[in-house]
Amino acid sequence: MLSANTAKRLLENTNSLHGKRAARGARIFRSGFAKALEIFDFFAVAFLMAVTLRLYIADRLLSADLAITMPFAFSAAGLWWVARENDLYHFTSRPSPLKHFLNTLGAIVIAMPLAIVIGFLVSGISARPWQETVGEATFMVASAGVILLITHTISAAVVKRLSESGFFSMNIVVVGATKQAKVLINKLKAGGDFNFLGIFDDRLSRAPKEINGVPVLGDLDALMEWSQLPTIDRVVITVSSAAQERVLQLTEKLRSMPNKLVLAIDMQGFEVDGITIGNLGAFPVAYVSGSPEDAKRAFWKRVQDLTLSIMALILLSPIMLATAIAIKLESKGPVFFRQKRHGFNNQEFYCFKFRSMFIEQCDYQAAQQVVQDDPRVTKIGKFIRKTSIDELPQLFNVILGDMSLVGPRPHAIGMKTGDDLSEKLVSDYAHRHRIKPGITGWAAIHGSRGPVHTPEEVEERVNYDVEYIENSGLWMDLYIIMMTIPSLLGDKVKIR
């Protein structure tokens, strides 16, 4: 039990320790730092464009001919827009300079095809040679991209250092010395983005002296009279929402404070791990399974898919044409093999592959997965399966929107592992379908590809897929794409 004298002494100690710490409203937000970086980038790129035009045509920006200015201006604006839409002006509590550098590089890679398109459009409008306009647009993106790489890498390092020093930390006071308070402090304190100054409880006689190193300082009256209230950013009530009457009493009493009052969602009966808080319209909800949709991320993933898959189709068309001819010459039947598979949200779609089996032995339900020296596979089929050339027609699935370049591999509907349906072997199997399936994926570059003959292999693949879904992003996708070819060619063991 905490006596009144002990509470008073703790309050005095806390006052001397935190007396000079300002509330977050009087300090710089991390988001404010990011907004300043965005403004700096805008003016830095504009200045670079003016200098480039000065050197390029010996003329200033405002007096340059519009036909000359357009490829520089539009491509610079395009790069800034891509950077903004890819959340480069958002910093986590512990940003990695290397990761931020790679994310910026990924945005520049995406902006390059946009610059080429801008160059061709300007050429059509201005009647200038496309070689000049495309060259100017891509040069602008490349040179401005160097500035972004430098500023964003340095900024990430600065934000990381400031975050570690507590510069951006939010000052928190907890109301309610409860189990929920312990969970809250455990989860948020370790990240360093939240500074817990104390706990207050209206039932002080039942409260412990401290929770996870955060002292219990007194009752609600002590909180209301606390001299450090101006330094507090959030007052978080951690009393169970099931105790509605008590919660109402607390909120009514604390509502008069100028500090922001927050009611923690306790999710009684659920494990807190994996739960994401979001909104359904204007209504707050907790995502027990899955997470809120990220429309921006979905848009850019689609842009990435269309851009890279069209480029891949153009580059790989000779190989695909040669494969089609070889299949047709070796055995009768169609060049393509269409198989129903599960996609996003278990929606069915026809997945395209080059046919690798004799037509009369094609297994549309994958009831019998391929084994070593499978007699159903043709000679050409063995080669294209081993090199994964048989998967190339799935680029058409990507363009149609059924698949992505990167994601969990789509399994055939009714696929069996041994005598059992694969989807029945692992409880999290359905989680693979929370995003679009992919031609390649996190599981594939870690060796989990081809048939899965045991429950352990199914579980391994599902674990990789869920790990990807929880951590997917632009740079992770580009990394997986780059690692796919060496992973496939270096694998002489897996049956494909």
Protein backbone atom coordinates (compact mmCIF):
# COMPACT_ATOMS: atom_id res chain seq x y z
CA MET A 1 0.00 0.00 0.00
CA LEU A 2 1.26 3.50 -0.84
CA SER A 3 1.03 6.03 1.99
CA ALA A 4 0.24 9.71 1.46
CA ASN A 5 3.74 10.71 2.65
CA THR A 6 5.40 8.29 0.25
CA ALA A 7 3.29 9.60 -2.64
CA LYS A 8 4.24 13.19 -1.71
CA ARG A 9 7.96 12.31 -1.61
CA LEU A 10 7.77 10.59 -5.00
CA LEU A 11 6.00 13.63 -6.44
CA GLU A 12 8.75 15.90 -5.15
CA ASN A 13 11.46 13.65 -6.64
CA THR A 14 9.67 13.52 -9.95
CA ASN A 15 9.23 17.30 -9.95
CA SER A 16 12.99 17.84 -9.61
CA LEU A 17 13.78 15.21 -12.23
CA HIS A 18 11.37 16.34 -14.93
CA GLY A 19 10.75 19.97 -13.99
CA LYS A 20 12.50 21.37 -17.07
CA ARG A 21 10.98 19.01 -19.63
CA ALA A 22 8.51 20.84 -21.89
CA ALA A 23 5.27 19.40 -23.17
CA ARG A 24 5.40 18.19 -26.74
CA GLY A 25 3.21 21.06 -27.88
CA ALA A 26 6.12 23.35 -26.99
CA ARG A 27 8.69 21.18 -28.77
CA ILE A 28 9.31 20.04 -32.32
CA PHE A 29 7.28 17.12 -33.61
CA ARG A 30 9.08 14.47 -35.62
CA SER A 31 6.44 15.10 -38.28
CA GLY A 32 7.39 18.78 -38.22
CA PHE A 33 10.99 17.85 -38.91
CA ALA A 34 9.80 15.76 -41.86
CA LYS A 35 7.68 18.65 -43.18
CA ALA A 36 10.72 20.95 -42.99
CA LEU A 37 12.70 18.39 -44.99
CA GLU A 38 9.96 18.27 -47.61
CA ILE A 39 10.04 22.06 -48.00
CA PHE A 40 13.84 22.03 -48.15
CA ASP A 41 13.79 19.36 -50.86
CA PHE A 42 11.30 21.37 -52.90
CA PHE A 43 13.45 24.49 -52.89
CA ALA A 44 16.70 22.53 -53.33
CA VAL A 45 15.35 20.81 -56.46
CA ALA A 46 13.97 24.11 -57.78
CA PHE A 47 17.38 25.74 -57.23
CA LEU A 48 19.10 22.83 -58.98
CA MET A 49 16.73 23.19 -61.94
CA ALA A 50 17.48 26.92 -62.19
CA VAL A 51 21.24 26.31 -62.07
CA THR A 52 20.96 23.51 -64.65
CA LEU A 53 19.02 25.73 -67.06
CA ARG A 54 21.54 28.51 -66.52
CA LEU A 55 24.38 26.21 -67.50
CA TYR A 56 22.44 24.31 -70.16
CA ILE A 57 21.04 27.20 -72.18
CA ALA A 58 22.80 30.18 -70.56
CA ASP A 59 19.44 31.47 -69.41
CA ARG A 60 17.66 31.90 -66.10
CA LEU A 61 14.66 29.83 -65.04
CA LEU A 62 12.05 32.56 -65.45
CA SER A 63 13.35 33.73 -68.83
CA ALA A 64 13.95 30.26 -70.34
CA ASP A 65 11.84 29.03 -73.23
CA LEU A 66 8.83 26.97 -72.07
CA ALA A 67 9.69 24.07 -74.37
CA ILE A 68 13.10 23.81 -72.66
CA THR A 69 11.75 24.30 -69.13
CA MET A 70 8.96 21.69 -69.29
CA PRO A 71 11.00 18.44 -69.22
CA PHE A 72 13.09 19.74 -66.31
CA ALA A 73 10.15 21.14 -64.34
CA PHE A 74 7.72 18.24 -64.85
CA SER A 75 10.29 15.53 -64.13
CA ALA A 76 11.48 17.36 -60.98
CA ALA A 77 7.86 17.69 -59.83
CA GLY A 78 7.32 14.00 -60.66
CA LEU A 79 10.28 12.96 -58.51
CA TRP A 80 9.10 15.08 -55.60
CA TRP A 81 5.59 13.61 -55.93
CA VAL A 82 6.91 10.02 -56.02
CA ALA A 83 9.07 10.70 -52.96
CA ARG A 84 6.08 12.16 -51.12
CA GLU A 85 3.71 9.34 -52.07
CA ASN A 86 6.26 6.72 -50.98
CA ASP A 87 6.33 8.17 -47.43
CA LEU A 88 9.91 9.41 -47.62
CA TYR A 89 8.77 12.35 -45.49
CA HIS A 90 7.73 10.07 -42.66
CA PHE A 91 10.21 9.05 -39.97
CA THR A 92 9.74 6.23 -37.49
CA SER A 93 10.95 6.57 -33.90
CA ARG A 94 14.22 4.84 -34.80
CA PRO A 95 14.83 5.43 -38.52
CA SER A 96 17.67 3.53 -40.15
CA PRO A 97 19.82 5.80 -42.37
CA LEU A 98 20.65 2.83 -44.60
CA LYS A 99 17.01 1.82 -44.99
CA HIS A 100 16.02 5.41 -45.70
CA PHE A 101 18.79 5.63 -48.31
CA LEU A 102 17.50 2.47 -49.98
CA ASN A 103 13.88 3.65 -49.87
CA THR A 104 14.92 6.93 -51.48
CA LEU A 105 16.84 5.01 -54.13
CA GLY A 106 13.73 2.92 -54.78
CA ALA A 107 11.66 6.09 -55.27
CA ILE A 108 14.21 7.36 -57.80
CA VAL A 109 14.02 4.05 -59.68
CA ILE A 110 10.23 4.42 -59.90
CA ALA A 111 10.53 8.07 -60.98
CA MET A 112 12.81 7.20 -63.92
CA PRO A 113 10.11 5.57 -66.11
CA LEU A 114 7.86 8.52 -65.22
CA ALA A 115 10.57 10.91 -66.47
CA ILE A 116 10.82 8.98 -69.74
CA VAL A 117 7.07 9.26 -70.26
CA ILE A 118 7.25 13.00 -69.47
CA GLY A 119 10.05 13.39 -71.99
CA PHE A 120 7.98 11.77 -74.76
CA LEU A 121 4.90 13.85 -73.89
CA VAL A 122 6.88 17.09 -73.93
CA SER A 123 8.40 16.07 -77.25
CA GLY A 124 4.92 15.63 -78.71
CA ILE A 125 3.72 18.96 -77.36
CA SER A 126 6.78 21.05 -78.22
CA ALA A 127 7.85 19.29 -81.47
CA ARG A 128 11.37 18.91 -80.07
CA PRO A 129 13.36 15.68 -80.68
CA TRP A 130 12.41 13.05 -78.10
CA GLN A 131 16.07 12.21 -77.53
CA GLU A 132 16.58 15.70 -76.13
CA THR A 133 13.45 15.89 -73.98
CA VAL A 134 13.83 12.37 -72.57
CA GLY A 135 17.52 13.05 -71.87
CA GLU A 136 16.70 16.28 -70.06
CA ALA A 137 13.94 14.72 -67.98
CA THR A 138 16.01 11.70 -66.90
CA PHE A 139 19.04 13.91 -66.17
CA MET A 140 16.89 16.06 -63.91
CA VAL A 141 15.59 13.05 -61.99
CA ALA A 142 19.10 11.58 -61.65
CA SER A 143 20.73 14.83 -60.47
CA ALA A 144 17.85 15.77 -58.14
CA GLY A 145 17.84 12.17 -56.91
CA VAL A 146 21.44 12.57 -55.74
CA ILE A 147 20.37 15.55 -53.62
CA LEU A 148 17.50 13.55 -52.14
CA LEU A 149 19.77 10.62 -51.35
CA ILE A 150 22.14 12.90 -49.45
CA THR A 151 19.52 14.94 -47.58
CA HIS A 152 17.35 11.97 -46.63
CA THR A 153 20.24 9.81 -45.41
CA ILE A 154 21.60 12.66 -43.28
CA SER A 155 18.11 13.53 -42.03
CA ALA A 156 17.41 9.93 -41.01
CA ALA A 157 20.68 9.87 -39.05
CA VAL A 158 19.80 13.18 -37.33
CA VAL A 159 16.27 12.01 -36.46
CA LYS A 160 17.63 8.74 -35.10
CA ARG A 161 20.10 10.58 -32.88
CA LEU A 162 17.47 13.05 -31.66
CA SER A 163 15.00 10.21 -31.01
CA GLU A 164 17.58 8.28 -28.99
CA SER A 165 18.18 11.40 -26.88
CA GLY A 166 14.44 11.70 -26.17
CA PHE A 167 14.04 14.89 -28.18
CA PHE A 168 10.82 13.70 -29.81
CA SER A 169 9.52 11.63 -26.88
CA MET A 170 5.92 12.13 -25.80
CA ASN A 171 5.37 12.64 -22.06
CA ILE A 172 2.75 10.23 -20.72
CA VAL A 173 0.88 9.92 -17.44
CA VAL A 174 -1.12 6.75 -16.79
CA VAL A 175 -4.36 6.71 -14.81
CA GLY A 176 -5.02 3.25 -13.37
CA ALA A 177 -2.38 0.93 -11.85
CA THR A 178 -3.81 -2.04 -13.74
CA LYS A 179 -2.61 -5.05 -15.75
CA GLN A 180 -3.46 -3.07 -18.85
CA ALA A 181 -1.11 -0.30 -17.68
CA LYS A 182 1.67 -2.89 -17.37
CA VAL A 183 1.06 -4.10 -20.94
CA LEU A 184 0.94 -0.51 -22.25
CA ILE A 185 4.18 0.51 -20.55
CA ASN A 186 5.93 -2.70 -21.61
CA LYS A 187 5.07 -2.17 -25.27
CA LEU A 188 5.68 1.58 -25.54
CA LYS A 189 8.53 2.26 -23.11
CA ALA A 190 11.10 0.09 -24.88
CA GLY A 191 10.81 2.04 -28.15
CA GLY A 192 11.92 5.28 -26.50
CA ASP A 193 9.22 7.28 -28.26
CA PHE A 194 7.16 7.61 -25.07
CA ASN A 195 8.36 8.93 -21.73
CA PHE A 196 6.23 7.61 -18.83
CA LEU A 197 6.46 10.09 -15.94
CA GLY A 198 4.14 8.40 -13.49
CA ILE A 199 0.97 6.50 -12.63
CA PHE A 200 -2.02 7.80 -10.70
CA ASP A 201 -4.88 5.74 -9.33
CA ASP A 202 -8.13 6.69 -7.59
CA ARG A 203 -7.83 3.49 -5.54
CA LEU A 204 -4.41 4.21 -4.11
CA SER A 205 -4.65 1.67 -1.28
CA ARG A 206 -4.66 -1.20 -3.80
CA ALA A 207 -1.90 0.17 -6.02
CA PRO A 208 1.71 -1.13 -6.07
CA LYS A 209 4.67 1.22 -5.60
CA GLU A 210 5.65 1.04 -9.26
CA ILE A 211 4.88 -0.77 -12.52
CA ASN A 212 7.76 -1.67 -14.83
CA GLY A 213 9.91 1.05 -13.31
CA VAL A 214 7.24 3.76 -13.53
CA PRO A 215 6.35 5.05 -10.01
CA VAL A 216 2.80 5.30 -8.70
CA LEU A 217 2.66 8.94 -7.61
CA GLY A 218 -0.75 9.43 -6.04
CA ASP A 219 -4.49 9.61 -6.51
CA LEU A 220 -6.52 11.73 -8.94
CA ASP A 221 -6.47 14.77 -6.64
CA ALA A 222 -2.68 14.59 -6.60
CA LEU A 223 -2.71 14.44 -10.40
CA MET A 224 -5.00 17.46 -10.70
CA GLU A 225 -2.71 19.48 -8.41
CA TRP A 226 0.56 18.20 -9.89
CA SER A 227 2.89 21.04 -10.86
CA GLN A 228 4.24 19.01 -13.81
CA LEU A 229 0.92 18.84 -15.67
CA PRO A 230 2.09 21.47 -18.21
CA THR A 231 4.82 19.02 -19.30
CA ILE A 232 2.33 16.20 -20.02
CA ASP A 233 1.28 15.40 -23.60
CA ARG A 234 -1.20 12.59 -22.92
CA VAL A 235 -3.12 11.31 -19.92
CA VAL A 236 -3.94 7.67 -20.68
CA ILE A 237 -6.73 5.90 -18.79
CA THR A 238 -5.95 2.20 -18.52
CA VAL A 239 -8.99 1.17 -16.48
CA SER A 240 -10.93 -1.67 -18.09
CA SER A 241 -13.58 -0.33 -20.46
CA ALA A 242 -15.87 -3.06 -19.07
CA ALA A 243 -16.08 -1.00 -15.86
CA GLN A 244 -18.15 1.64 -17.60
CA GLU A 245 -19.29 3.51 -14.51
CA ARG A 246 -15.74 3.92 -13.22
CA VAL A 247 -14.46 5.01 -16.63
CA LEU A 248 -17.22 7.63 -16.84
CA GLN A 249 -16.35 8.94 -13.37
CA LEU A 250 -12.67 9.21 -14.30
CA THR A 251 -13.27 10.94 -17.61
CA GLU A 252 -15.72 13.41 -16.06
CA LYS A 253 -13.23 14.33 -13.36
CA LEU A 254 -10.20 14.58 -15.66
CA ARG A 255 -11.95 16.29 -18.57
CA SER A 256 -11.31 19.70 -17.01
CA MET A 257 -7.54 19.31 -17.46
CA PRO A 258 -6.00 21.01 -20.54
CA ASN A 259 -4.05 17.83 -21.32
CA LYS A 260 -5.26 15.43 -23.99
CA LEU A 261 -7.16 12.53 -22.43
CA VAL A 262 -6.94 9.08 -24.03
CA LEU A 263 -8.84 5.90 -23.21
CA ALA A 264 -6.76 2.81 -23.94
CA ILE A 265 -8.64 -0.03 -25.67
CA ASP A 266 -8.06 -3.06 -23.49
CA MET A 267 -9.39 -5.80 -25.84
CA GLN A 268 -10.34 -8.07 -22.94
CA GLY A 269 -10.03 -11.75 -23.77
CA PHE A 270 -7.66 -11.12 -26.71
CA GLU A 271 -3.92 -11.28 -26.99
CA VAL A 272 -2.66 -7.76 -27.69
CA ASP A 273 0.06 -8.95 -30.08
CA GLY A 274 -0.95 -8.52 -33.69
CA ILE A 275 -3.87 -6.18 -32.93
CA THR A 276 -3.94 -2.93 -34.88
CA ILE A 277 -6.10 0.05 -33.98
CA GLY A 278 -7.83 1.86 -36.83
CA ASN A 279 -11.10 3.38 -37.94
CA LEU A 280 -14.14 2.06 -39.76
CA GLY A 281 -15.43 5.30 -41.19
CA ALA A 282 -15.43 7.55 -38.12
CA PHE A 283 -15.78 4.63 -35.70
CA PRO A 284 -12.64 3.41 -33.83
CA VAL A 285 -12.06 -0.32 -34.17
CA ALA A 286 -9.36 -2.85 -33.31
CA TYR A 287 -8.11 -5.13 -36.07
CA VAL A 288 -7.73 -8.50 -34.36
CA SER A 289 -6.79 -10.07 -37.71
CA GLY A 290 -5.21 -8.23 -40.62
CA SER A 291 -4.57 -4.49 -40.58
CA PRO A 292 -6.07 -1.26 -41.94
CA GLU A 293 -5.79 -0.85 -45.70
CA ASP A 294 -2.98 1.35 -46.94
CA ALA A 295 -4.41 2.86 -50.13
CA LYS A 296 -1.19 4.72 -50.91
CA ARG A 297 0.95 1.59 -50.60
CA ALA A 298 -1.53 -0.41 -52.72
CA PHE A 299 -1.43 2.27 -55.44
CA TRP A 300 2.35 2.33 -55.65
CA LYS A 301 2.61 -1.44 -55.55
CA ARG A 302 0.28 -1.51 -58.56
CA VAL A 303 2.40 1.10 -60.36
CA GLN A 304 5.48 -0.97 -59.57
CA ASP A 305 3.81 -4.14 -60.85
CA LEU A 306 2.65 -2.61 -64.13
CA THR A 307 5.93 -0.81 -64.86
CA LEU A 308 8.25 -3.73 -64.15
CA SER A 309 6.03 -6.46 -65.65
CA ILE A 310 5.62 -4.58 -68.96
CA MET A 311 9.39 -4.01 -69.10
CA ALA A 312 9.99 -7.69 -68.28
CA LEU A 313 7.58 -8.83 -71.03
CA ILE A 314 9.42 -6.71 -73.59
CA LEU A 315 12.87 -7.95 -72.51
CA LEU A 316 11.85 -11.61 -72.13
CA SER A 317 9.63 -11.88 -75.22
CA PRO A 318 12.35 -13.69 -77.29
CA ILE A 319 12.73 -16.33 -74.56
CA MET A 320 8.96 -16.72 -74.22
CA LEU A 321 8.51 -17.04 -78.00
CA ALA A 322 11.27 -19.67 -78.24
CA THR A 323 9.73 -21.59 -75.33
CA ALA A 324 6.30 -21.57 -76.95
CA ILE A 325 7.71 -22.93 -80.22
CA ALA A 326 9.67 -25.66 -78.40
CA ILE A 327 6.60 -26.80 -76.44
CA LYS A 328 4.50 -26.94 -79.57
CA LEU A 329 7.12 -28.93 -81.47
CA GLU A 330 7.67 -31.51 -78.71
CA SER A 331 4.12 -32.53 -77.82
CA LYS A 332 0.55 -31.91 -78.84
CA GLY A 333 -1.67 -29.58 -76.86
CA PRO A 334 -1.80 -25.90 -75.97
CA VAL A 335 1.29 -23.86 -75.17
CA PHE A 336 -0.21 -22.45 -71.97
CA PHE A 337 -1.47 -24.33 -68.93
CA ARG A 338 -4.32 -22.62 -67.05
CA GLN A 339 -5.01 -23.65 -63.48
CA LYS A 340 -7.51 -22.28 -60.97
CA ARG A 341 -5.78 -20.85 -57.94
CA HIS A 342 -6.65 -18.85 -54.85
CA GLY A 343 -5.83 -15.15 -54.96
CA PHE A 344 -6.56 -12.15 -52.76
CA ASN A 345 -9.28 -12.91 -50.17
CA ASN A 346 -9.52 -16.46 -51.58
CA GLN A 347 -10.87 -15.15 -54.90
CA GLU A 348 -10.38 -17.70 -57.67
CA PHE A 349 -8.47 -16.84 -60.83
CA TYR A 350 -6.82 -18.69 -63.70
CA CYS A 351 -3.04 -18.72 -63.31
CA PHE A 352 -1.05 -18.92 -66.58
CA LYS A 353 2.03 -21.11 -67.01
CA PHE A 354 3.87 -22.66 -69.91
CA ARG A 355 2.67 -26.26 -70.20
CA SER A 356 5.37 -28.58 -68.83
CA MET A 357 3.44 -31.89 -68.80
CA PHE A 358 1.95 -34.13 -71.45
CA ILE A 359 -1.55 -32.80 -72.11
CA GLU A 360 -3.33 -36.01 -71.07
CA GLN A 361 -1.48 -36.05 -67.73
CA CYS A 362 -1.91 -32.42 -66.69
CA ASP A 363 -3.00 -32.17 -63.06
CA TYR A 364 -5.38 -29.22 -62.73
CA GLN A 365 -6.07 -29.78 -59.01
CA ALA A 366 -2.45 -30.51 -58.00
CA ALA A 367 -3.70 -33.65 -56.31
CA GLN A 368 -0.28 -35.23 -57.00
CA GLN A 369 2.62 -32.82 -56.67
CA VAL A 370 5.67 -33.16 -58.89
CA VAL A 371 8.39 -35.57 -57.74
CA GLN A 372 11.92 -36.28 -58.93
CA ASP A 373 11.99 -37.66 -62.53
CA ASP A 374 8.21 -37.31 -62.78
CA PRO A 375 7.12 -39.20 -65.95
CA ARG A 376 4.31 -36.69 -66.55
CA VAL A 377 6.83 -33.93 -67.29
CA THR A 378 8.11 -33.49 -70.86
CA LYS A 379 11.78 -32.94 -71.73
CA ILE A 380 11.16 -29.26 -72.43
CA GLY A 381 9.03 -29.19 -69.29
CA LYS A 382 11.94 -30.36 -67.11
CA PHE A 383 14.13 -27.55 -68.41
CA ILE A 384 11.58 -24.76 -68.09
CA ARG A 385 10.54 -25.93 -64.62
CA LYS A 386 14.16 -26.12 -63.46
CA THR A 387 14.85 -22.59 -64.73
CA SER A 388 11.37 -21.30 -63.74
CA ILE A 389 10.74 -20.18 -67.32
CA ASP A 390 7.37 -21.92 -67.03
CA GLU A 391 6.31 -19.13 -64.61
CA LEU A 392 6.91 -16.25 -67.07
CA PRO A 393 3.32 -16.18 -68.47
CA GLN A 394 2.23 -15.07 -65.01
CA LEU A 395 3.41 -11.62 -66.08
CA PHE A 396 0.05 -11.49 -67.91
CA ASN A 397 -1.67 -12.24 -64.56
CA VAL A 398 0.18 -9.30 -63.05
CA ILE A 399 -0.97 -6.96 -65.82
CA LEU A 400 -4.55 -8.23 -65.45
CA GLY A 401 -4.40 -7.49 -61.72
CA ASP A 402 -4.82 -11.06 -60.44
CA MET A 403 -1.24 -11.22 -59.15
CA SER A 404 1.68 -9.04 -58.10
CA LEU A 405 5.32 -9.46 -58.96
CA VAL A 406 6.05 -10.12 -55.29
CA GLY A 407 3.80 -11.96 -52.85
CA PRO A 408 2.95 -15.44 -51.55
CA ARG A 409 3.00 -18.04 -54.32
CA PRO A 410 -0.56 -18.96 -55.41
CA HIS A 411 -1.34 -22.60 -54.68
CA ALA A 412 -3.74 -24.65 -56.77
CA ILE A 413 -7.26 -25.06 -55.40
CA GLY A 414 -7.47 -28.50 -53.84
CA MET A 415 -3.67 -28.91 -53.61
CA LYS A 416 -2.72 -31.84 -51.40
CA THR A 417 0.30 -32.56 -49.26
CA GLY A 418 0.32 -36.31 -48.91
CA ASP A 419 -3.29 -37.34 -48.45
CA ASP A 420 -4.40 -34.08 -46.82
CA LEU A 421 -5.42 -30.72 -48.23
CA SER A 422 -2.48 -28.35 -47.73
CA GLU A 423 -4.74 -25.57 -46.45
CA LYS A 424 -5.92 -27.78 -43.55
CA LEU A 425 -2.41 -28.47 -42.24
CA VAL A 426 -1.54 -24.99 -40.89
CA SER A 427 -3.94 -22.74 -38.95
CA ASP A 428 -2.51 -19.54 -40.48
CA TYR A 429 -2.69 -20.84 -44.05
CA ALA A 430 -5.51 -18.45 -45.02
CA HIS A 431 -3.37 -15.47 -43.97
CA ARG A 432 -1.42 -15.97 -47.22
CA HIS A 433 -4.44 -14.59 -49.08
CA ARG A 434 -4.56 -11.21 -47.36
CA ILE A 435 -2.63 -9.74 -50.28
CA LYS A 436 -2.32 -10.63 -53.96
CA PRO A 437 -0.18 -13.69 -54.74
CA GLY A 438 3.14 -13.12 -56.47
CA ILE A 439 5.40 -14.59 -59.14
CA THR A 440 8.21 -14.57 -56.59
CA GLY A 441 8.29 -13.92 -52.87
CA TRP A 442 10.06 -13.95 -49.52
CA ALA A 443 9.57 -17.71 -49.24
CA ALA A 444 10.99 -18.34 -52.72
CA ILE A 445 14.31 -16.54 -52.10
CA HIS A 446 14.67 -18.45 -48.82
CA GLY A 447 14.43 -21.81 -50.55
CA SER A 448 10.75 -22.59 -49.97
CA ARG A 449 9.59 -23.07 -53.56
CA GLY A 450 8.20 -25.83 -55.68
CA PRO A 451 6.12 -28.70 -54.25
CA VAL A 452 5.55 -29.07 -50.51
CA HIS A 453 5.51 -32.75 -49.57
CA THR A 454 5.29 -32.57 -45.76
CA PRO A 455 3.27 -30.57 -43.19
CA GLU A 456 6.57 -29.06 -41.99
CA GLU A 457 7.28 -27.68 -45.48
CA VAL A 458 3.77 -26.18 -45.64
CA GLU A 459 4.26 -24.53 -42.24
CA GLU A 460 7.66 -23.16 -43.27
CA ARG A 461 6.20 -21.57 -46.39
CA VAL A 462 3.25 -20.08 -44.53
CA ASN A 463 5.60 -18.58 -41.91
CA TYR A 464 7.68 -16.90 -44.63
CA ASP A 465 4.53 -15.60 -46.33
CA VAL A 466 3.10 -14.14 -43.12
CA GLU A 467 6.48 -12.55 -42.35
CA TYR A 468 6.42 -10.88 -45.77
CA ILE A 469 2.84 -9.64 -45.37
CA GLU A 470 3.69 -8.03 -42.02
CA ASN A 471 6.86 -6.31 -43.30
CA SER A 472 6.28 -5.71 -47.01
CA GLY A 473 7.34 -2.43 -48.57
CA LEU A 474 8.81 -0.93 -51.73
CA TRP A 475 12.43 -1.70 -50.97
CA MET A 476 11.68 -5.20 -49.69
CA ASP A 477 9.89 -5.94 -52.98
CA LEU A 478 12.84 -4.65 -55.04
CA TYR A 479 15.24 -6.70 -52.91
CA ILE A 480 13.18 -9.87 -53.46
CA ILE A 481 13.04 -9.23 -57.23
CA MET A 482 16.83 -8.76 -57.38
CA MET A 483 17.47 -11.89 -55.30
CA THR A 484 15.07 -14.12 -57.25
CA ILE A 485 17.33 -15.02 -60.20
CA PRO A 486 20.46 -15.91 -58.15
CA SER A 487 18.27 -17.82 -55.68
CA LEU A 488 16.65 -19.88 -58.43
CA LEU A 489 19.80 -20.55 -60.44
CA GLY A 490 21.79 -21.41 -57.33
CA ASP A 491 19.26 -23.98 -56.15
CA LYS A 492 20.08 -27.43 -57.50
CA VAL A 493 18.15 -29.33 -54.83
CA LYS A 494 14.53 -28.22 -54.93
CA ILE A 495 12.22 -30.07 -57.32
CA ARG A 496 10.44 -27.61 -59.58
